[in-house]
Amino acid sequence: MVLFDSEDSPDDIMVEILSRLPVKSLIRLRCVCKSWYAFIKNPSFVSKHLKHDVNTRLIVIYAIEDDTEEHSHPKEYFCLFPDQTLEDLSLEDLSTQEPVLGSFKGLYCGIVFIEGINNRITLWNIATRESITLPKYRAILPQYTRIFRTNIGFGLDLKTKDYKVILIITLWDEKRDSSCAFSLVAVYTLCTNSWRNLKSIDYTMRLSSERTYLDEAFYWLLRLENHNDNYVILSFHMTDEKFREIPGPCRLESSLDVTVGVYYQSLSLLMLDTVDNCFKIWVMKKKNWIKQLTVGPFVGIFQPLRFWKKGAFFVESNSSQLLLYEPDTGELRDFELECCWFSIYIYTESLITLKGRDN
């Protein structure tokens, strides 16, 4: 089989095959020769590999009460399902492999974000075992304010072939005893290993703001305070570093619970209407929202969680159980995860290197 043409570039078929291989196999192939190494490290190939869901799995963070000790705190587990079938509950506990101790801040493009001592952010690629602790961002705060909460985004700038971390800082006005009506913004680039300030934005981020990444843009789902609970999607484009506001397809009434994600490679919203107990999926097509699907009714559902593969999605029941809606059967599957609380994240193996641009 001919893997490379006369210019040492993989043909289309070989590129497609390579982009579906697990990271461990590709790391071995990088050692074959310099041209293989350069190709597999190329940001365009890294991005293509990330878009394939062949190596997509589920991460569950959950806590179990320790009944053996009085006044003990719940024990937390940071676990990865072994495969896509989600049949095997013998999860791999990643807690002992974490490069630093700290709080989980998010998972984007296969990179885990951990906030450690002195609010330093560490990026950790689970597949390659690479990690890097970012330099501390020193925000210049207006008088009588303090940092209230932070939100993080991440993505690739295809123009510069560099990865960026977006830090959004919501402030607390100590005189008014409420959050400020604006947020500070900074961006970190792996290539320069440094932070720089961007223009502040007139939005207040909630701690639980839903978010997702798709095609060079990062998206946050924001409820607008003092706007009858209406909401918008705020996007940040990695190349021009500009924020844009995307109106939702309908008003977010009190009877609706919503999350944002990627459904069949499109920006999408998963809504639960607690009046009719049905789920609605809205998909962005050519800058317009289209109601793609309505399923249900289902009884005893608390909230939508995440989109999964092939039209499936995760939800949480009123009794705090993790459920998966499977379109093939039209039923909800119970994982019978015994815990006092949990959160889930969709994880795709990533070739992203955290050591900056190669010389």
Protein backbone atom coordinates (compact mmCIF):
# COMPACT_ATOMS: atom_id res chain seq x y z
CA MET A 1 0.00 0.00 0.00
CA VAL A 2 1.28 3.47 -0.91
CA LEU A 3 0.83 5.74 2.10
CA PHE A 4 2.35 8.92 0.69
CA ASP A 5 2.56 10.46 -2.75
CA SER A 6 5.68 11.93 -4.30
CA GLU A 7 5.41 15.01 -2.10
CA ASP A 8 5.26 12.92 1.09
CA SER A 9 1.64 13.84 1.76
CA PRO A 10 -0.95 11.20 2.71
CA ASP A 11 -3.61 10.50 0.10
CA ASP A 12 -7.26 11.17 0.95
CA ILE A 13 -8.05 7.57 1.85
CA MET A 14 -5.07 7.30 4.18
CA VAL A 15 -5.92 10.62 5.84
CA GLU A 16 -9.43 9.32 6.53
CA ILE A 17 -8.05 6.09 8.00
CA LEU A 18 -5.51 7.89 10.18
CA SER A 19 -8.09 10.38 11.45
CA ARG A 20 -10.12 7.49 12.90
CA LEU A 21 -7.28 5.86 14.82
CA PRO A 22 -6.95 6.21 18.60
CA VAL A 23 -4.36 8.66 19.92
CA LYS A 24 -2.13 5.89 21.29
CA SER A 25 -1.74 4.39 17.79
CA LEU A 26 -1.03 7.77 16.20
CA ILE A 27 1.64 8.56 18.78
CA ARG A 28 3.41 5.34 17.76
CA LEU A 29 3.09 6.21 14.06
CA ARG A 30 4.76 9.59 14.65
CA CYS A 31 7.98 7.68 15.25
CA VAL A 32 7.99 6.10 11.76
CA CYS A 33 9.65 9.05 9.99
CA LYS A 34 9.84 12.85 9.98
CA SER A 35 7.08 13.28 7.40
CA TRP A 36 4.66 11.15 9.45
CA TYR A 37 5.60 13.08 12.57
CA ALA A 38 4.99 16.45 10.87
CA PHE A 39 1.68 15.34 9.37
CA ILE A 40 0.22 13.90 12.58
CA LYS A 41 1.28 17.03 14.52
CA ASN A 42 -0.25 19.37 11.92
CA PRO A 43 -3.12 21.40 13.49
CA SER A 44 -5.36 20.74 10.47
CA PHE A 45 -5.05 16.98 10.96
CA VAL A 46 -5.43 17.35 14.74
CA SER A 47 -8.68 19.24 14.14
CA LYS A 48 -9.94 16.63 11.64
CA HIS A 49 -9.13 13.80 14.08
CA LEU A 50 -11.04 15.60 16.84
CA LYS A 51 -14.20 15.85 14.71
CA HIS A 52 -14.50 12.07 14.36
CA ASP A 53 -16.57 10.53 17.12
CA VAL A 54 -14.97 7.09 16.76
CA ASN A 55 -13.00 7.69 19.94
CA THR A 56 -15.72 9.57 21.84
CA ARG A 57 -16.49 8.36 25.36
CA LEU A 58 -18.33 9.52 28.45
CA ILE A 59 -16.74 11.02 31.56
CA VAL A 60 -18.75 10.96 34.78
CA ILE A 61 -17.80 12.92 37.88
CA TYR A 62 -19.77 11.68 40.86
CA ALA A 63 -19.68 11.54 44.65
CA ILE A 64 -20.54 8.77 47.10
CA GLU A 65 -21.32 9.27 50.77
CA ASP A 66 -18.82 7.59 53.09
CA ASP A 67 -20.93 5.90 55.78
CA THR A 68 -17.91 4.57 57.65
CA GLU A 69 -16.94 7.91 59.19
CA GLU A 70 -19.03 10.50 60.97
CA HIS A 71 -18.94 14.05 59.55
CA SER A 72 -17.00 12.84 56.50
CA HIS A 73 -17.22 14.54 53.10
CA PRO A 74 -18.52 12.61 50.07
CA LYS A 75 -15.74 10.89 48.11
CA GLU A 76 -15.49 12.16 44.55
CA TYR A 77 -14.64 10.05 41.49
CA PHE A 78 -13.53 11.29 38.07
CA CYS A 79 -14.24 8.35 35.79
CA LEU A 80 -14.14 7.40 32.12
CA PHE A 81 -16.36 4.79 30.48
CA PRO A 82 -14.16 2.17 28.75
CA ASP A 83 -16.00 2.30 25.42
CA GLN A 84 -18.90 3.84 23.49
CA THR A 85 -21.41 1.11 24.29
CA LEU A 86 -21.78 2.48 27.84
CA GLU A 87 -22.57 -1.08 28.89
CA ASP A 88 -19.63 -1.56 31.27
CA LEU A 89 -19.92 0.39 34.51
CA SER A 90 -16.41 -0.62 35.65
CA LEU A 91 -15.25 2.93 35.08
CA GLU A 92 -11.59 3.91 34.94
CA ASP A 93 -10.94 6.34 37.81
CA LEU A 94 -8.77 9.18 36.48
CA SER A 95 -8.52 10.98 39.84
CA THR A 96 -5.14 9.43 40.67
CA GLN A 97 -3.75 10.49 37.28
CA GLU A 98 -4.59 14.19 37.57
CA PRO A 99 -1.42 16.32 37.30
CA VAL A 100 -2.55 18.72 40.07
CA LEU A 101 -5.12 18.85 42.84
CA GLY A 102 -7.94 21.30 42.22
CA SER A 103 -11.49 21.86 41.07
CA PHE A 104 -12.77 20.70 37.68
CA LYS A 105 -13.47 23.71 35.42
CA GLY A 106 -14.45 22.06 32.16
CA LEU A 107 -13.58 19.67 29.34
CA TYR A 108 -13.14 21.00 25.80
CA CYS A 109 -11.51 19.39 22.73
CA GLY A 110 -10.25 16.52 24.86
CA ILE A 111 -8.50 18.92 27.26
CA VAL A 112 -9.41 18.97 30.97
CA PHE A 113 -9.26 22.31 32.79
CA ILE A 114 -8.36 22.22 36.49
CA GLU A 115 -8.26 25.24 38.79
CA GLY A 116 -5.60 24.63 41.43
CA ILE A 117 -3.77 26.56 44.13
CA ASN A 118 -3.93 30.38 43.83
CA ASN A 119 -6.49 30.00 41.01
CA ARG A 120 -3.81 28.76 38.60
CA ILE A 121 -5.33 26.94 35.63
CA THR A 122 -3.84 23.63 34.50
CA LEU A 123 -4.63 22.07 31.11
CA TRP A 124 -4.41 18.28 30.90
CA ASN A 125 -4.65 16.11 27.81
CA ILE A 126 -5.86 12.75 29.14
CA ALA A 127 -4.91 10.82 25.97
CA THR A 128 -1.30 12.06 25.63
CA ARG A 129 -0.75 12.65 29.40
CA GLU A 130 0.59 16.12 28.62
CA SER A 131 -0.21 18.94 31.02
CA ILE A 132 0.69 22.58 31.41
CA THR A 133 -0.02 25.09 34.17
CA LEU A 134 -0.82 28.52 32.73
CA PRO A 135 0.81 31.68 34.09
CA LYS A 136 -1.47 33.38 36.59
CA TYR A 137 -3.70 36.05 35.06
CA ARG A 138 -3.55 39.21 37.14
CA ALA A 139 -6.78 41.09 36.57
CA ILE A 140 -6.94 44.85 37.11
CA LEU A 141 -10.19 45.25 39.03
CA PRO A 142 -12.30 48.41 39.21
CA GLN A 143 -12.55 49.99 42.65
CA TYR A 144 -14.90 48.29 45.14
CA THR A 145 -15.13 45.10 43.09
CA ARG A 146 -13.84 41.57 43.52
CA ILE A 147 -13.78 38.43 41.39
CA PHE A 148 -17.11 36.65 41.76
CA ARG A 149 -16.79 33.74 39.33
CA THR A 150 -14.88 32.71 36.22
CA ASN A 151 -15.83 30.92 32.99
CA ILE A 152 -13.42 29.33 30.54
CA GLY A 153 -13.51 28.62 26.80
CA PHE A 154 -11.01 26.94 24.47
CA GLY A 155 -10.44 26.48 20.76
CA LEU A 156 -8.21 26.60 17.68
CA ASP A 157 -7.38 29.69 15.63
CA LEU A 158 -6.96 28.16 12.16
CA LYS A 159 -5.30 31.32 10.84
CA THR A 160 -2.40 31.23 13.30
CA LYS A 161 -2.62 27.46 13.98
CA ASP A 162 -2.59 28.29 17.68
CA TYR A 163 -4.85 27.27 20.56
CA LYS A 164 -6.47 29.86 22.79
CA VAL A 165 -7.99 29.89 26.26
CA ILE A 166 -10.70 32.49 26.91
CA LEU A 167 -11.17 33.63 30.49
CA ILE A 168 -14.35 35.52 31.40
CA ILE A 169 -14.39 37.08 34.86
CA THR A 170 -17.67 38.09 36.46
CA LEU A 171 -17.21 40.77 39.14
CA TRP A 172 -19.03 41.52 42.37
CA ASP A 173 -19.88 45.13 43.21
CA GLU A 174 -19.31 45.37 46.97
CA LYS A 175 -21.13 48.71 47.26
CA ARG A 176 -24.28 47.50 45.50
CA ASP A 177 -23.89 43.98 46.92
CA SER A 178 -24.66 42.40 43.54
CA SER A 179 -22.84 41.19 40.45
CA CYS A 180 -21.60 43.80 37.99
CA ALA A 181 -23.40 44.25 34.67
CA PHE A 182 -20.19 43.54 32.74
CA SER A 183 -17.41 40.95 32.72
CA LEU A 184 -13.67 41.20 32.12
CA VAL A 185 -12.17 39.13 29.29
CA ALA A 186 -8.64 37.84 28.72
CA VAL A 187 -7.18 35.43 26.16
CA TYR A 188 -4.21 33.11 26.55
CA THR A 189 -2.34 31.61 23.58
CA LEU A 190 -0.23 28.47 23.78
CA CYS A 191 2.29 29.85 21.30
CA THR A 192 3.20 32.89 23.42
CA ASN A 193 2.42 31.33 26.82
CA SER A 194 0.96 34.65 27.93
CA TRP A 195 -2.31 36.45 28.67
CA ARG A 196 -3.62 39.66 27.13
CA ASN A 197 -6.72 41.69 27.86
CA LEU A 198 -9.68 42.01 25.54
CA LYS A 199 -12.54 44.48 25.66
CA SER A 200 -15.00 43.80 28.50
CA ILE A 201 -18.47 42.47 27.62
CA ASP A 202 -21.87 43.59 28.90
CA TYR A 203 -22.90 40.15 30.14
CA THR A 204 -22.91 38.43 33.50
CA MET A 205 -21.93 34.78 33.43
CA ARG A 206 -23.60 32.32 35.75
CA LEU A 207 -21.54 29.55 37.30
CA SER A 208 -23.63 26.94 35.52
CA SER A 209 -23.62 28.62 32.09
CA GLU A 210 -23.91 25.85 29.48
CA ARG A 211 -21.24 25.90 26.79
CA THR A 212 -19.92 24.08 23.72
CA TYR A 213 -17.31 24.38 20.95
CA LEU A 214 -17.83 24.00 17.20
CA ASP A 215 -15.89 25.11 14.10
CA GLU A 216 -13.51 27.72 15.54
CA ALA A 217 -16.13 29.24 17.83
CA PHE A 218 -16.99 28.77 21.49
CA TYR A 219 -20.59 29.19 22.66
CA TRP A 220 -22.16 30.01 26.03
CA LEU A 221 -25.88 29.79 26.78
CA LEU A 222 -26.79 32.81 28.92
CA ARG A 223 -29.98 33.68 30.72
CA LEU A 224 -30.48 37.44 30.66
CA GLU A 225 -31.25 38.78 34.12
CA ASN A 226 -34.09 41.31 34.31
CA HIS A 227 -35.33 40.18 30.89
CA ASN A 228 -38.18 37.87 31.96
CA ASP A 229 -35.71 34.98 32.01
CA ASN A 230 -35.04 35.29 28.28
CA TYR A 231 -31.72 34.00 27.00
CA VAL A 232 -29.13 34.34 24.22
CA ILE A 233 -26.20 32.33 22.93
CA LEU A 234 -22.94 34.24 23.16
CA SER A 235 -20.25 33.13 20.70
CA PHE A 236 -16.52 33.88 20.63
CA HIS A 237 -14.67 33.38 17.35
CA MET A 238 -11.06 32.29 17.75
CA THR A 239 -9.68 34.09 14.70
CA ASP A 240 -11.09 37.62 15.02
CA GLU A 241 -11.55 37.34 18.83
CA LYS A 242 -14.98 38.97 18.68
CA PHE A 243 -18.11 38.14 20.65
CA ARG A 244 -21.43 37.80 18.85
CA GLU A 245 -24.95 37.40 20.18
CA ILE A 246 -27.24 34.73 18.73
CA PRO A 247 -30.93 35.00 19.71
CA GLY A 248 -32.65 31.79 20.75
CA PRO A 249 -35.45 30.25 18.66
CA CYS A 250 -38.11 31.07 21.25
CA ARG A 251 -38.55 32.73 24.61
CA LEU A 252 -37.29 30.70 27.53
CA GLU A 253 -40.40 30.46 29.65
CA SER A 254 -40.23 29.21 33.23
CA SER A 255 -41.55 25.87 32.00
CA LEU A 256 -38.50 25.32 29.79
CA ASP A 257 -35.10 23.93 30.78
CA VAL A 258 -32.43 24.10 28.08
CA THR A 259 -28.85 23.11 27.30
CA VAL A 260 -26.60 23.90 24.32
CA GLY A 261 -24.47 21.41 22.42
CA VAL A 262 -23.57 19.83 19.09
CA TYR A 263 -26.16 17.59 17.38
CA TYR A 264 -25.05 15.96 14.11
CA GLN A 265 -22.27 18.57 13.71
CA SER A 266 -24.63 21.54 14.13
CA LEU A 267 -25.09 24.03 16.96
CA SER A 268 -28.20 22.84 18.78
CA LEU A 269 -30.44 23.35 21.80
CA LEU A 270 -32.01 20.55 23.82
CA MET A 271 -35.13 21.75 25.65
CA LEU A 272 -37.38 20.10 28.21
CA ASP A 273 -40.90 21.51 28.42
CA THR A 274 -42.20 20.68 31.89
CA VAL A 275 -45.79 21.42 30.79
CA ASP A 276 -46.07 18.60 28.24
CA ASN A 277 -42.96 16.69 29.48
CA CYS A 278 -41.54 16.55 25.96
CA PHE A 279 -38.03 17.23 24.67
CA LYS A 280 -37.53 19.61 21.76
CA ILE A 281 -34.33 19.75 19.70
CA TRP A 282 -33.61 22.99 17.83
CA VAL A 283 -30.79 23.01 15.25
CA MET A 284 -29.01 26.00 13.68
CA LYS A 285 -29.10 25.68 9.87
CA LYS A 286 -27.83 28.51 7.65
CA LYS A 287 -28.16 31.01 10.52
CA ASN A 288 -31.77 29.99 11.21
CA TRP A 289 -33.22 27.83 13.98
CA ILE A 290 -35.17 24.75 12.86
CA LYS A 291 -37.15 22.53 15.22
CA GLN A 292 -35.60 19.19 14.37
CA LEU A 293 -37.39 16.83 16.72
CA THR A 294 -39.94 16.47 19.51
CA VAL A 295 -39.91 13.33 21.66
CA GLY A 296 -41.95 12.28 24.66
CA PRO A 297 -43.80 12.71 26.85
CA PHE A 298 -41.66 11.32 29.68
CA VAL A 299 -42.56 11.30 33.36
CA GLY A 300 -40.19 12.16 36.20
CA ILE A 301 -37.49 14.06 34.26
CA PHE A 302 -35.62 16.87 36.00
CA GLN A 303 -33.40 18.38 33.29
CA PRO A 304 -31.62 17.77 29.95
CA LEU A 305 -27.86 17.24 30.19
CA ARG A 306 -25.83 16.48 27.05
CA PHE A 307 -26.13 15.35 23.44
CA TRP A 308 -24.53 11.96 22.79
CA LYS A 309 -24.05 10.01 19.53
CA LYS A 310 -26.50 9.15 16.72
CA GLY A 311 -29.30 11.33 18.05
CA ALA A 312 -29.14 10.08 21.65
CA PHE A 313 -28.98 12.45 24.63
CA PHE A 314 -28.53 12.31 28.39
CA VAL A 315 -31.03 13.58 30.97
CA GLU A 316 -31.36 13.59 34.74
CA SER A 317 -34.43 12.21 36.49
CA ASN A 318 -36.24 13.77 39.45
CA SER A 319 -34.60 11.11 41.63
CA SER A 320 -31.11 12.19 40.43
CA GLN A 321 -30.59 9.21 38.13
CA LEU A 322 -28.53 9.38 34.93
CA LEU A 323 -30.67 8.39 31.93
CA LEU A 324 -29.97 8.07 28.20
CA TYR A 325 -32.65 8.61 25.54
CA GLU A 326 -32.01 6.14 22.70
CA PRO A 327 -33.84 7.04 19.47
CA ASP A 328 -33.72 3.43 18.18
CA THR A 329 -35.99 2.28 20.99
CA GLY A 330 -37.62 5.59 21.95
CA GLU A 331 -36.98 4.72 25.59
CA LEU A 332 -34.91 6.04 28.48
CA ARG A 333 -32.10 3.81 29.72
CA ASP A 334 -31.19 3.95 33.42
CA PHE A 335 -27.48 3.65 34.26
CA GLU A 336 -28.29 2.87 37.90
CA LEU A 337 -25.43 5.05 39.04
CA GLU A 338 -25.60 5.07 42.84
CA CYS A 339 -24.30 8.43 44.07
CA CYS A 340 -25.34 11.60 45.89
CA TRP A 341 -24.57 13.84 42.90
CA PHE A 342 -23.01 13.63 39.43
CA SER A 343 -22.08 15.60 36.33
CA ILE A 344 -21.23 14.25 32.88
CA TYR A 345 -18.99 15.37 30.01
CA ILE A 346 -18.50 14.13 26.46
CA TYR A 347 -14.85 13.26 25.93
CA THR A 348 -13.11 12.79 22.58
CA GLU A 349 -9.46 11.78 22.46
CA SER A 350 -7.30 14.65 21.29
CA LEU A 351 -3.86 15.02 19.69
CA ILE A 352 -3.60 18.65 20.82
CA THR A 353 -0.13 19.34 22.17
CA LEU A 354 0.09 21.63 25.17
CA LYS A 355 3.76 22.50 24.72
CA GLY A 356 3.18 25.34 22.30
CA ARG A 357 4.19 25.51 18.67
CA ASP A 358 7.08 23.33 17.55
CA ASN A 359 10.28 25.07 16.53
